[in-house]
């Protein structure tokens, strides 16, 4: 079971890093329109939250859920 848990944690970390990279690129890049950046970030963070919620309720789940709900909203308002 510990291997499965480690795999789940690794998946969360990978998706979290990907979400941060995508969001950072979307914010910095002037070639992306606001709506594309907004949708990309929303999908990335929603995916991260879904993966986190599929595993045990941990601090990372709480953090990712908070980020998933606030980051896309903040990005979309801009």
PDB file of N, CA and C in Angstrom:
ATOM      1  N   UNK A   1       0.825  -1.193   0.000  1.00  0.00           N
ATOM      2  CA  UNK A   1       0.000   0.000   0.000  1.00  0.00           C
ATOM      3  C   UNK A   1       0.871   1.259   0.000  1.00  0.00           C
ATOM      4  N   UNK A   2       2.034   1.177   0.629  1.00  0.00           N
ATOM      5  CA  UNK A   2       2.888   2.358   0.700  1.00  0.00           C
ATOM      6  C   UNK A   2       3.366   2.761  -0.691  1.00  0.00           C
ATOM      7  N   UNK A   3       3.562   1.782  -1.562  1.00  0.00           N
ATOM      8  CA  UNK A   3       3.972   2.096  -2.928  1.00  0.00           C
ATOM      9  C   UNK A   3       2.878   2.857  -3.659  1.00  0.00           C
ATOM     10  N   UNK A   4       1.636   2.423  -3.474  1.00  0.00           N
ATOM     11  CA  UNK A   4       0.512   3.098  -4.121  1.00  0.00           C
ATOM     12  C   UNK A   4       0.392   4.520  -3.599  1.00  0.00           C
ATOM     13  N   UNK A   5       0.607   4.675  -2.298  1.00  0.00           N
ATOM     14  CA  UNK A   5       0.539   6.007  -1.703  1.00  0.00           C
ATOM     15  C   UNK A   5       1.621   6.913  -2.253  1.00  0.00           C
ATOM     16  N   UNK A   6       2.819   6.361  -2.407  1.00  0.00           N
ATOM     17  CA  UNK A   6       3.921   7.145  -2.946  1.00  0.00           C
ATOM     18  C   UNK A   6       3.637   7.537  -4.386  1.00  0.00           C
ATOM     19  N   UNK A   7       3.070   6.612  -5.147  1.00  0.00           N
ATOM     20  CA  UNK A   7       2.722   6.901  -6.532  1.00  0.00           C
ATOM     21  C   UNK A   7       1.696   8.007  -6.614  1.00  0.00           C
ATOM     22  N   UNK A   8       0.726   7.972  -5.706  1.00  0.00           N
ATOM     23  CA  UNK A   8      -0.306   9.004  -5.683  1.00  0.00           C
ATOM     24  C   UNK A   8       0.280  10.356  -5.348  1.00  0.00           C
ATOM     25  N   UNK A   9       1.183  10.358  -4.373  1.00  0.00           N
ATOM     26  CA  UNK A   9       1.832  11.608  -3.984  1.00  0.00           C
ATOM     27  C   UNK A   9       2.664  12.155  -5.130  1.00  0.00           C
ATOM     28  N   UNK A  10       3.365  11.271  -5.816  1.00  0.00           N
ATOM     29  CA  UNK A  10       4.191  11.690  -6.945  1.00  0.00           C
ATOM     30  C   UNK A  10       3.321  12.280  -8.047  1.00  0.00           C
ATOM     31  N   UNK A  11       2.174  11.655  -8.298  1.00  0.00           N
ATOM     32  CA  UNK A  11       1.261  12.153  -9.323  1.00  0.00           C
ATOM     33  C   UNK A  11       0.767  13.548  -8.975  1.00  0.00           C
ATOM     34  N   UNK A  12       0.456  13.758  -7.706  1.00  0.00           N
ATOM     35  CA  UNK A  12      -0.009  15.072  -7.250  1.00  0.00           C
ATOM     36  C   UNK A  12       1.082  16.115  -7.458  1.00  0.00           C
ATOM     37  N   UNK A  13       2.308  15.756  -7.106  1.00  0.00           N
ATOM     38  CA  UNK A  13       3.429  16.689  -7.257  1.00  0.00           C
ATOM     39  C   UNK A  13       3.643  17.042  -8.723  1.00  0.00           C
ATOM     40  N   UNK A  14       3.618  16.029  -9.589  1.00  0.00           N
ATOM     41  CA  UNK A  14       3.830  16.253 -11.023  1.00  0.00           C
ATOM     42  C   UNK A  14       2.751  17.153 -11.597  1.00  0.00           C
ATOM     43  N   UNK A  15       1.500  16.864 -11.259  1.00  0.00           N
ATOM     44  CA  UNK A  15       0.391  17.673 -11.768  1.00  0.00           C
ATOM     45  C   UNK A  15       0.456  19.087 -11.203  1.00  0.00           C
ATOM     46  N   UNK A  16       0.831  19.201  -9.933  1.00  0.00           N
ATOM     47  CA  UNK A  16       0.945  20.526  -9.317  1.00  0.00           C
ATOM     48  C   UNK A  16       2.007  21.364 -10.018  1.00  0.00           C
ATOM     49  N   UNK A  17       3.143  20.753 -10.297  1.00  0.00           N
ATOM     50  CA  UNK A  17       4.220  21.461 -10.995  1.00  0.00           C
ATOM     51  C   UNK A  17       3.759  21.861 -12.393  1.00  0.00           C
ATOM     52  N   UNK A  18       3.094  20.933 -13.085  1.00  0.00           N
ATOM     53  CA  UNK A  18       2.589  21.224 -14.427  1.00  0.00           C
ATOM     54  C   UNK A  18       1.595  22.373 -14.396  1.00  0.00           C
ATOM     55  N   UNK A  19       0.723  22.371 -13.394  1.00  0.00           N
ATOM     56  CA  UNK A  19      -0.285  23.428 -13.274  1.00  0.00           C
ATOM     57  C   UNK A  19       0.371  24.786 -13.044  1.00  0.00           C
ATOM     58  N   UNK A  20       1.388  24.807 -12.198  1.00  0.00           N
ATOM     59  CA  UNK A  20       2.095  26.060 -11.920  1.00  0.00           C
ATOM     60  C   UNK A  20       2.805  26.564 -13.171  1.00  0.00           C
ATOM     61  N   UNK A  21       3.454  25.647 -13.890  1.00  0.00           N
ATOM     62  CA  UNK A  21       4.169  26.024 -15.110  1.00  0.00           C
ATOM     63  C   UNK A  21       3.205  26.565 -16.157  1.00  0.00           C
ATOM     64  N   UNK A  22       2.102  25.857 -16.368  1.00  0.00           N
ATOM     65  CA  UNK A  22       1.108  26.283 -17.357  1.00  0.00           C
ATOM     66  C   UNK A  22       0.530  27.644 -16.993  1.00  0.00           C
ATOM     67  N   UNK A  23       0.189  27.812 -15.730  1.00  0.00           N
ATOM     68  CA  UNK A  23      -0.396  29.078 -15.284  1.00  0.00           C
ATOM     69  C   UNK A  23       0.605  30.219 -15.405  1.00  0.00           C
ATOM     70  N   UNK A  24       1.848  29.970 -14.992  1.00  0.00           N
ATOM     71  CA  UNK A  24       2.884  30.999 -15.088  1.00  0.00           C
ATOM     72  C   UNK A  24       3.093  31.405 -16.539  1.00  0.00           C
ATOM     73  N   UNK A  25       3.166  30.426 -17.424  1.00  0.00           N
ATOM     74  CA  UNK A  25       3.343  30.712 -18.851  1.00  0.00           C
ATOM     75  C   UNK A  25       2.155  31.498 -19.393  1.00  0.00           C
ATOM     76  N   UNK A  26       0.963  31.106 -18.974  1.00  0.00           N
ATOM     77  CA  UNK A  26      -0.247  31.773 -19.448  1.00  0.00           C
ATOM     78  C   UNK A  26      -0.285  33.232 -19.016  1.00  0.00           C
ATOM     79  N   UNK A  27       0.165  33.490 -17.792  1.00  0.00           N
ATOM     80  CA  UNK A  27       0.164  34.860 -17.274  1.00  0.00           C
ATOM     81  C   UNK A  27       1.227  35.701 -17.974  1.00  0.00           C
ATOM     82  N   UNK A  28       2.405  35.131 -18.168  1.00  0.00           N
ATOM     83  CA  UNK A  28       3.523  35.871 -18.752  1.00  0.00           C
ATOM     84  C   UNK A  28       3.348  36.066 -20.262  1.00  0.00           C
ATOM     85  N   UNK A  29       2.914  35.038 -20.952  1.00  0.00           N
ATOM     86  CA  UNK A  29       2.818  35.079 -22.406  1.00  0.00           C
ATOM     87  C   UNK A  29       1.766  36.067 -22.881  1.00  0.00           C
ATOM     88  N   UNK A  30       2.139  36.893 -23.823  1.00  0.00           N
ATOM     89  CA  UNK A  30       1.197  37.863 -24.393  1.00  0.00           C
ATOM     90  C   UNK A  30       0.511  37.279 -25.626  1.00  0.00           C
ATOM     91  N   UNK A  31       0.959  36.120 -26.077  1.00  0.00           N
ATOM     92  CA  UNK A  31       0.367  35.498 -27.256  1.00  0.00           C
ATOM     93  C   UNK A  31      -0.935  34.789 -26.930  1.00  0.00           C
ATOM     94  N   UNK A  32      -1.132  34.470 -25.656  1.00  0.00           N
ATOM     95  CA  UNK A  32      -2.370  33.805 -25.262  1.00  0.00           C
ATOM     96  C   UNK A  32      -3.404  34.845 -24.878  1.00  0.00           C
ATOM     97  N   UNK A  33      -4.627  34.643 -25.326  1.00  0.00           N
ATOM     98  CA  UNK A  33      -5.690  35.562 -24.927  1.00  0.00           C
ATOM     99  C   UNK A  33      -6.109  35.248 -23.503  1.00  0.00           C
ATOM    100  N   UNK A  34      -6.818  36.165 -22.875  1.00  0.00           N
ATOM    101  CA  UNK A  34      -7.242  35.971 -21.495  1.00  0.00           C
ATOM    102  C   UNK A  34      -8.089  34.723 -21.318  1.00  0.00           C
ATOM    103  N   UNK A  35      -8.995  34.458 -22.256  1.00  0.00           N
ATOM    104  CA  UNK A  35      -9.885  33.307 -22.115  1.00  0.00           C
ATOM    105  C   UNK A  35      -9.125  31.991 -22.217  1.00  0.00           C
ATOM    106  N   UNK A  36      -8.170  31.912 -23.134  1.00  0.00           N
ATOM    107  CA  UNK A  36      -7.392  30.678 -23.282  1.00  0.00           C
ATOM    108  C   UNK A  36      -6.582  30.421 -22.014  1.00  0.00           C
ATOM    109  N   UNK A  37      -5.952  31.463 -21.494  1.00  0.00           N
ATOM    110  CA  UNK A  37      -5.164  31.330 -20.272  1.00  0.00           C
ATOM    111  C   UNK A  37      -6.054  30.907 -19.116  1.00  0.00           C
ATOM    112  N   UNK A  38      -7.231  31.509 -19.048  1.00  0.00           N
ATOM    113  CA  UNK A  38      -8.178  31.205 -17.979  1.00  0.00           C
ATOM    114  C   UNK A  38      -8.614  29.749 -18.039  1.00  0.00           C
ATOM    115  N   UNK A  39      -8.992  29.280 -19.226  1.00  0.00           N
ATOM    116  CA  UNK A  39      -9.457  27.898 -19.380  1.00  0.00           C
ATOM    117  C   UNK A  39      -8.333  26.906 -19.107  1.00  0.00           C
ATOM    118  N   UNK A  40      -7.142  27.213 -19.595  1.00  0.00           N
ATOM    119  CA  UNK A  40      -6.001  26.322 -19.376  1.00  0.00           C
ATOM    120  C   UNK A  40      -5.707  26.163 -17.890  1.00  0.00           C
ATOM    121  N   UNK A  41      -5.676  27.274 -17.180  1.00  0.00           N
ATOM    122  CA  UNK A  41      -5.400  27.238 -15.746  1.00  0.00           C
ATOM    123  C   UNK A  41      -6.502  26.510 -14.996  1.00  0.00           C
ATOM    124  N   UNK A  42      -7.745  26.757 -15.391  1.00  0.00           N
ATOM    125  CA  UNK A  42      -8.872  26.103 -14.719  1.00  0.00           C
ATOM    126  C   UNK A  42      -8.789  24.597 -14.882  1.00  0.00           C
ATOM    127  N   UNK A  43      -8.501  24.131 -16.101  1.00  0.00           N
ATOM    128  CA  UNK A  43      -8.387  22.691 -16.362  1.00  0.00           C
ATOM    129  C   UNK A  43      -7.231  22.096 -15.567  1.00  0.00           C
ATOM    130  N   UNK A  44      -6.092  22.780 -15.563  1.00  0.00           N
ATOM    131  CA  UNK A  44      -4.912  22.276 -14.861  1.00  0.00           C
ATOM    132  C   UNK A  44      -5.155  22.144 -13.365  1.00  0.00           C
ATOM    133  N   UNK A  45      -5.719  23.194 -12.767  1.00  0.00           N
ATOM    134  CA  UNK A  45      -5.945  23.168 -11.325  1.00  0.00           C
ATOM    135  C   UNK A  45      -7.079  22.232 -10.935  1.00  0.00           C
ATOM    136  N   UNK A  46      -8.098  22.118 -11.794  1.00  0.00           N
ATOM    137  CA  UNK A  46      -9.192  21.191 -11.511  1.00  0.00           C
ATOM    138  C   UNK A  46      -8.681  19.759 -11.543  1.00  0.00           C
ATOM    139  N   UNK A  47      -7.807  19.461 -12.506  1.00  0.00           N
ATOM    140  CA  UNK A  47      -7.203  18.128 -12.605  1.00  0.00           C
ATOM    141  C   UNK A  47      -6.382  17.826 -11.362  1.00  0.00           C
ATOM    142  N   UNK A  48      -5.611  18.800 -10.913  1.00  0.00           N
ATOM    143  CA  UNK A  48      -4.789  18.627  -9.719  1.00  0.00           C
ATOM    144  C   UNK A  48      -5.663  18.342  -8.501  1.00  0.00           C
ATOM    145  N   UNK A  49      -6.757  19.091  -8.382  1.00  0.00           N
ATOM    146  CA  UNK A  49      -7.655  18.892  -7.249  1.00  0.00           C
ATOM    147  C   UNK A  49      -8.320  17.526  -7.310  1.00  0.00           C
ATOM    148  N   UNK A  50      -8.706  17.104  -8.510  1.00  0.00           N
ATOM    149  CA  UNK A  50      -9.364  15.805  -8.672  1.00  0.00           C
ATOM    150  C   UNK A  50      -8.430  14.667  -8.282  1.00  0.00           C
ATOM    151  N   UNK A  51      -7.173  14.753  -8.696  1.00  0.00           N
ATOM    152  CA  UNK A  51      -6.195  13.718  -8.350  1.00  0.00           C
ATOM    153  C   UNK A  51      -5.962  13.704  -6.839  1.00  0.00           C
ATOM    154  N   UNK A  52      -5.864  14.883  -6.259  1.00  0.00           N
ATOM    155  CA  UNK A  52      -5.638  14.976  -4.816  1.00  0.00           C
ATOM    156  C   UNK A  52      -6.794  14.377  -4.035  1.00  0.00           C
ATOM    157  N   UNK A  53      -8.013  14.691  -4.458  1.00  0.00           N
ATOM    158  CA  UNK A  53      -9.195  14.208  -3.749  1.00  0.00           C
ATOM    159  C   UNK A  53      -9.377  12.705  -3.906  1.00  0.00           C
ATOM    160  N   UNK A  54      -8.776  12.129  -4.942  1.00  0.00           N
ATOM    161  CA  UNK A  54      -8.883  10.693  -5.163  1.00  0.00           C
ATOM    162  C   UNK A  54      -8.040   9.916  -4.153  1.00  0.00           C
ATOM    163  N   UNK A  55      -7.124  10.600  -3.499  1.00  0.00           N
ATOM    164  CA  UNK A  55      -6.258   9.962  -2.509  1.00  0.00           C
ATOM    165  C   UNK A  55      -6.680  10.370  -1.101  1.00  0.00           C
ATOM    166  N   UNK A  56      -5.938   9.898  -0.135  1.00  0.00           N
ATOM    167  CA  UNK A  56      -6.276  10.179   1.265  1.00  0.00           C
ATOM    168  C   UNK A  56      -6.290  11.678   1.541  1.00  0.00           C
ATOM    169  N   UNK A  57      -7.152  12.071   2.463  1.00  0.00           N
ATOM    170  CA  UNK A  57      -7.259  13.484   2.827  1.00  0.00           C
ATOM    171  C   UNK A  57      -6.013  13.898   3.605  1.00  0.00           C
ATOM    172  N   UNK A  58      -5.157  14.651   2.945  1.00  0.00           N
ATOM    173  CA  UNK A  58      -3.917  15.108   3.576  1.00  0.00           C
ATOM    174  C   UNK A  58      -3.811  16.618   3.447  1.00  0.00           C
ATOM    175  N   UNK A  59      -2.718  17.162   3.945  1.00  0.00           N
ATOM    176  CA  UNK A  59      -2.493  18.598   3.841  1.00  0.00           C
ATOM    177  C   UNK A  59      -2.370  19.015   2.384  1.00  0.00           C
ATOM    178  N   UNK A  60      -1.745  18.152   1.563  1.00  0.00           N
ATOM    179  CA  UNK A  60      -1.594  18.482   0.146  1.00  0.00           C
ATOM    180  C   UNK A  60      -2.953  18.587  -0.531  1.00  0.00           C
ATOM    181  N   UNK A  61      -3.903  17.773  -0.084  1.00  0.00           N
ATOM    182  CA  UNK A  61      -5.255  17.840  -0.637  1.00  0.00           C
ATOM    183  C   UNK A  61      -5.892  19.173  -0.292  1.00  0.00           C
ATOM    184  N   UNK A  62      -5.734  19.596   0.928  1.00  0.00           N
ATOM    185  CA  UNK A  62      -6.302  20.873   1.358  1.00  0.00           C
ATOM    186  C   UNK A  62      -5.674  22.031   0.594  1.00  0.00           C
ATOM    187  N   UNK A  63      -4.372  21.978   0.431  1.00  0.00           N
ATOM    188  CA  UNK A  63      -3.664  23.042  -0.288  1.00  0.00           C
ATOM    189  C   UNK A  63      -4.088  23.077  -1.749  1.00  0.00           C
ATOM    190  N   UNK A  64      -4.087  21.914  -2.404  1.00  0.00           N
ATOM    191  CA  UNK A  64      -4.426  21.878  -3.820  1.00  0.00           C
ATOM    192  C   UNK A  64      -5.868  22.277  -4.067  1.00  0.00           C
ATOM    193  N   UNK A  65      -6.760  21.913  -3.140  1.00  0.00           N
ATOM    194  CA  UNK A  65      -8.161  22.300  -3.283  1.00  0.00           C
ATOM    195  C   UNK A  65      -8.305  23.812  -3.172  1.00  0.00           C
ATOM    196  N   UNK A  66      -7.593  24.396  -2.239  1.00  0.00           N
ATOM    197  CA  UNK A  66      -7.626  25.850  -2.076  1.00  0.00           C
ATOM    198  C   UNK A  66      -7.076  26.546  -3.311  1.00  0.00           C
ATOM    199  N   UNK A  67      -5.945  26.067  -3.800  1.00  0.00           N
ATOM    200  CA  UNK A  67      -5.329  26.645  -4.996  1.00  0.00           C
ATOM    201  C   UNK A  67      -6.238  26.458  -6.203  1.00  0.00           C
ATOM    202  N   UNK A  68      -6.854  25.283  -6.293  1.00  0.00           N
ATOM    203  CA  UNK A  68      -7.715  24.980  -7.435  1.00  0.00           C
ATOM    204  C   UNK A  68      -8.912  25.908  -7.512  1.00  0.00           C
ATOM    205  N   UNK A  69      -9.389  26.356  -6.371  1.00  0.00           N
ATOM    206  CA  UNK A  69     -10.565  27.226  -6.373  1.00  0.00           C
ATOM    207  C   UNK A  69     -10.204  28.700  -6.500  1.00  0.00           C
ATOM    208  N   UNK A  70      -9.034  29.088  -6.001  1.00  0.00           N
ATOM    209  CA  UNK A  70      -8.683  30.510  -6.013  1.00  0.00           C
ATOM    210  C   UNK A  70      -7.871  30.944  -7.226  1.00  0.00           C
ATOM    211  N   UNK A  71      -6.921  30.135  -7.659  1.00  0.00           N
ATOM    212  CA  UNK A  71      -6.041  30.535  -8.759  1.00  0.00           C
ATOM    213  C   UNK A  71      -6.781  30.809 -10.069  1.00  0.00           C
ATOM    214  N   UNK A  72      -7.630  29.899 -10.542  1.00  0.00           N
ATOM    215  CA  UNK A  72      -8.336  30.174 -11.799  1.00  0.00           C
ATOM    216  C   UNK A  72      -9.237  31.400 -11.699  1.00  0.00           C
ATOM    217  N   UNK A  73      -9.879  31.573 -10.557  1.00  0.00           N
ATOM    218  CA  UNK A  73     -10.765  32.722 -10.365  1.00  0.00           C
ATOM    219  C   UNK A  73      -9.960  34.010 -10.439  1.00  0.00           C
ATOM    220  N   UNK A  74      -8.825  34.021  -9.761  1.00  0.00           N
ATOM    221  CA  UNK A  74      -7.959  35.197  -9.777  1.00  0.00           C
ATOM    222  C   UNK A  74      -7.480  35.489 -11.189  1.00  0.00           C
ATOM    223  N   UNK A  75      -7.102  34.450 -11.911  1.00  0.00           N
ATOM    224  CA  UNK A  75      -6.601  34.612 -13.272  1.00  0.00           C
ATOM    225  C   UNK A  75      -7.708  35.083 -14.206  1.00  0.00           C
ATOM    226  N   UNK A  76      -8.913  34.581 -14.009  1.00  0.00           N
ATOM    227  CA  UNK A  76     -10.031  34.937 -14.879  1.00  0.00           C
ATOM    228  C   UNK A  76     -10.483  36.371 -14.650  1.00  0.00           C
ATOM    229  N   UNK A  77     -10.363  36.849 -13.423  1.00  0.00           N
ATOM    230  CA  UNK A  77     -10.791  38.215 -13.115  1.00  0.00           C
ATOM    231  C   UNK A  77      -9.871  39.221 -13.801  1.00  0.00           C
ATOM    232  N   UNK A  78      -8.609  38.886 -13.879  1.00  0.00           N
ATOM    233  CA  UNK A  78      -7.650  39.751 -14.566  1.00  0.00           C
ATOM    234  C   UNK A  78      -8.037  39.801 -15.998  1.00  0.00           C
TER     235      UNK A  78
END
